[in-house]
Amino acid sequence: MNETFEQIANLLSQGETVALATVVRTRGSTPREVGAKMLVRSGGEIMGTIGGGCGEAEVWRTALSVIESKKPQMVLVDLTEEIDMKSQGVCGGIMEVFVEPWYQA
């Protein structure tokens, strides 16, 4: 985890605004546990993961919005859709992810 904050400090020193997504609550089966982090840069690059797939993509899109607005947001990632042959990687749980901006004031 220290590596994540070292990366944030480095990017901030270069004047970049980033967003940090952190899993803050889970219910049921989820790909990552509370505390998992994903750092999103303004160009869309990510470091770390909160689980991949469509849920992570939703958080990534929110992170880009957070970078632009500099306002934190909470994302509810629902992985409970019915499992069928079309569904890939549905875990059956729910994650709440807090996405916060980091920037130099």
C-alpha atoms as a PDB file:
ATOM      1  CA  MET A   1       0.000   0.000   0.000  1.00  0.00           C
ATOM      2  CA  ASN A   2       2.890   2.367   0.668  1.00  0.00           C
ATOM      3  CA  GLU A   3       3.799   1.997  -3.014  1.00  0.00           C
ATOM      4  CA  THR A   4       0.396   3.431  -3.968  1.00  0.00           C
ATOM      5  CA  PHE A   5       0.917   6.508  -1.826  1.00  0.00           C
ATOM      6  CA  GLU A   6       4.471   6.920  -3.107  1.00  0.00           C
ATOM      7  CA  GLN A   7       3.072   6.899  -6.649  1.00  0.00           C
ATOM      8  CA  ILE A   8       0.455   9.480  -5.661  1.00  0.00           C
ATOM      9  CA  ALA A   9       3.119  11.735  -4.114  1.00  0.00           C
ATOM     10  CA  ASN A  10       5.267  11.438  -7.246  1.00  0.00           C
ATOM     11  CA  LEU A  11       2.367  12.286  -9.570  1.00  0.00           C
ATOM     12  CA  LEU A  12       1.260  15.197  -7.390  1.00  0.00           C
ATOM     13  CA  SER A  13       4.792  16.597  -7.443  1.00  0.00           C
ATOM     14  CA  GLN A  14       4.487  16.629 -11.249  1.00  0.00           C
ATOM     15  CA  GLY A  15       1.253  18.630 -10.996  1.00  0.00           C
ATOM     16  CA  GLU A  16      -1.049  15.769 -11.965  1.00  0.00           C
ATOM     17  CA  THR A  17      -4.499  15.229 -10.487  1.00  0.00           C
ATOM     18  CA  VAL A  18      -5.342  11.565  -9.835  1.00  0.00           C
ATOM     19  CA  ALA A  19      -8.192   9.573  -8.326  1.00  0.00           C
ATOM     20  CA  LEU A  20      -7.853   6.802  -5.770  1.00  0.00           C
ATOM     21  CA  ALA A  21     -10.589   4.170  -5.702  1.00  0.00           C
ATOM     22  CA  THR A  22     -10.821   2.142  -2.490  1.00  0.00           C
ATOM     23  CA  VAL A  23     -13.177  -0.754  -1.733  1.00  0.00           C
ATOM     24  CA  VAL A  24     -14.800   0.349   1.531  1.00  0.00           C
ATOM     25  CA  ARG A  25     -17.535  -2.259   1.975  1.00  0.00           C
ATOM     26  CA  THR A  26     -18.445  -5.639   0.544  1.00  0.00           C
ATOM     27  CA  ARG A  27     -21.416  -7.964   0.812  1.00  0.00           C
ATOM     28  CA  GLY A  28     -21.400 -11.496  -0.521  1.00  0.00           C
ATOM     29  CA  SER A  29     -18.695 -12.837  -2.806  1.00  0.00           C
ATOM     30  CA  THR A  30     -16.533 -10.106  -4.382  1.00  0.00           C
ATOM     31  CA  PRO A  31     -13.283 -10.210  -6.357  1.00  0.00           C
ATOM     32  CA  ARG A  32     -11.388  -8.035  -3.862  1.00  0.00           C
ATOM     33  CA  GLU A  33     -11.640  -7.300  -0.156  1.00  0.00           C
ATOM     34  CA  VAL A  34     -12.126  -4.064   1.746  1.00  0.00           C
ATOM     35  CA  GLY A  35      -9.021  -1.921   1.366  1.00  0.00           C
ATOM     36  CA  ALA A  36      -8.216  -2.900  -2.240  1.00  0.00           C
ATOM     37  CA  LYS A  37      -7.081   0.165  -4.187  1.00  0.00           C
ATOM     38  CA  MET A  38      -6.864   1.326  -7.780  1.00  0.00           C
ATOM     39  CA  LEU A  39      -5.116   4.545  -8.776  1.00  0.00           C
ATOM     40  CA  VAL A  40      -6.398   6.264 -11.922  1.00  0.00           C
ATOM     41  CA  ARG A  41      -4.385   8.899 -13.773  1.00  0.00           C
ATOM     42  CA  SER A  42      -5.876  11.748 -15.791  1.00  0.00           C
ATOM     43  CA  GLY A  43      -4.936  10.003 -19.059  1.00  0.00           C
ATOM     44  CA  GLY A  44      -6.890   6.906 -18.006  1.00  0.00           C
ATOM     45  CA  GLU A  45      -3.948   4.718 -16.982  1.00  0.00           C
ATOM     46  CA  ILE A  46      -4.543   2.589 -13.897  1.00  0.00           C
ATOM     47  CA  MET A  47      -2.287   1.167 -11.207  1.00  0.00           C
ATOM     48  CA  GLY A  48      -3.673  -1.611  -9.047  1.00  0.00           C
ATOM     49  CA  THR A  49      -7.080  -3.251  -9.300  1.00  0.00           C
ATOM     50  CA  ILE A  50     -10.364  -3.527  -7.488  1.00  0.00           C
ATOM     51  CA  GLY A  51     -11.344  -6.681  -9.331  1.00  0.00           C
ATOM     52  CA  GLY A  52     -11.500  -6.182 -13.092  1.00  0.00           C
ATOM     53  CA  GLY A  53     -14.403  -6.557 -15.475  1.00  0.00           C
ATOM     54  CA  CYS A  54     -17.416  -4.307 -15.892  1.00  0.00           C
ATOM     55  CA  GLY A  55     -17.434  -3.231 -12.237  1.00  0.00           C
ATOM     56  CA  GLU A  56     -13.878  -1.945 -12.447  1.00  0.00           C
ATOM     57  CA  ALA A  57     -14.709  -0.196 -15.736  1.00  0.00           C
ATOM     58  CA  GLU A  58     -17.589   1.619 -14.029  1.00  0.00           C
ATOM     59  CA  VAL A  59     -15.279   2.755 -11.223  1.00  0.00           C
ATOM     60  CA  TRP A  60     -12.659   3.810 -13.807  1.00  0.00           C
ATOM     61  CA  ARG A  61     -15.210   6.015 -15.604  1.00  0.00           C
ATOM     62  CA  THR A  62     -16.242   7.536 -12.286  1.00  0.00           C
ATOM     63  CA  ALA A  63     -12.581   8.161 -11.399  1.00  0.00           C
ATOM     64  CA  LEU A  64     -12.081  10.151 -14.602  1.00  0.00           C
ATOM     65  CA  SER A  65     -15.099  12.270 -13.654  1.00  0.00           C
ATOM     66  CA  VAL A  66     -13.717  12.729 -10.130  1.00  0.00           C
ATOM     67  CA  ILE A  67     -10.381  13.899 -11.554  1.00  0.00           C
ATOM     68  CA  GLU A  68     -12.179  16.521 -13.623  1.00  0.00           C
ATOM     69  CA  SER A  69     -14.580  17.721 -10.901  1.00  0.00           C
ATOM     70  CA  LYS A  70     -12.234  17.214  -7.935  1.00  0.00           C
ATOM     71  CA  LYS A  71     -15.282  15.975  -5.997  1.00  0.00           C
ATOM     72  CA  PRO A  72     -15.318  12.485  -4.405  1.00  0.00           C
ATOM     73  CA  GLN A  73     -17.983   9.953  -5.318  1.00  0.00           C
ATOM     74  CA  MET A  74     -19.200   6.608  -4.009  1.00  0.00           C
ATOM     75  CA  VAL A  75     -19.787   3.816  -6.543  1.00  0.00           C
ATOM     76  CA  LEU A  76     -21.984   0.787  -5.885  1.00  0.00           C
ATOM     77  CA  VAL A  77     -20.689  -2.165  -7.908  1.00  0.00           C
ATOM     78  CA  ASP A  78     -23.411  -4.809  -8.130  1.00  0.00           C
ATOM     79  CA  LEU A  79     -22.063  -8.205  -9.154  1.00  0.00           C
ATOM     80  CA  THR A  80     -25.282 -10.107  -8.478  1.00  0.00           C
ATOM     81  CA  GLU A  81     -26.695 -10.426 -11.995  1.00  0.00           C
ATOM     82  CA  GLU A  82     -28.013 -13.828 -12.881  1.00  0.00           C
ATOM     83  CA  ILE A  83     -25.220 -16.181 -13.845  1.00  0.00           C
ATOM     84  CA  ASP A  84     -25.767 -17.705 -17.276  1.00  0.00           C
ATOM     85  CA  MET A  85     -23.659 -18.633 -20.271  1.00  0.00           C
ATOM     86  CA  LYS A  86     -23.389 -14.946 -21.290  1.00  0.00           C
ATOM     87  CA  SER A  87     -22.121 -13.743 -17.902  1.00  0.00           C
ATOM     88  CA  GLN A  88     -18.412 -13.938 -17.259  1.00  0.00           C
ATOM     89  CA  GLY A  89     -16.885 -13.432 -13.855  1.00  0.00           C
ATOM     90  CA  VAL A  90     -20.043 -12.603 -11.920  1.00  0.00           C
ATOM     91  CA  CYS A  91     -19.119 -13.086  -8.273  1.00  0.00           C
ATOM     92  CA  GLY A  92     -22.516 -12.678  -6.674  1.00  0.00           C
ATOM     93  CA  GLY A  93     -21.725  -9.828  -4.272  1.00  0.00           C
ATOM     94  CA  ILE A  94     -21.775  -6.062  -3.953  1.00  0.00           C
ATOM     95  CA  MET A  95     -18.860  -3.669  -3.427  1.00  0.00           C
ATOM     96  CA  GLU A  96     -18.994  -0.067  -2.346  1.00  0.00           C
ATOM     97  CA  VAL A  97     -16.038   1.883  -3.722  1.00  0.00           C
ATOM     98  CA  PHE A  98     -15.019   5.362  -2.572  1.00  0.00           C
ATOM     99  CA  VAL A  99     -13.329   7.387  -5.314  1.00  0.00           C
ATOM    100  CA  GLU A 100     -11.415  10.430  -4.087  1.00  0.00           C
ATOM    101  CA  PRO A 101      -9.418  13.054  -5.960  1.00  0.00           C
ATOM    102  CA  TRP A 102      -5.810  13.803  -5.045  1.00  0.00           C
ATOM    103  CA  TYR A 103      -4.348  17.095  -6.248  1.00  0.00           C
ATOM    104  CA  GLN A 104      -2.187  19.955  -5.110  1.00  0.00           C
ATOM    105  CA  ALA A 105      -4.293  22.766  -3.686  1.00  0.00           C
END
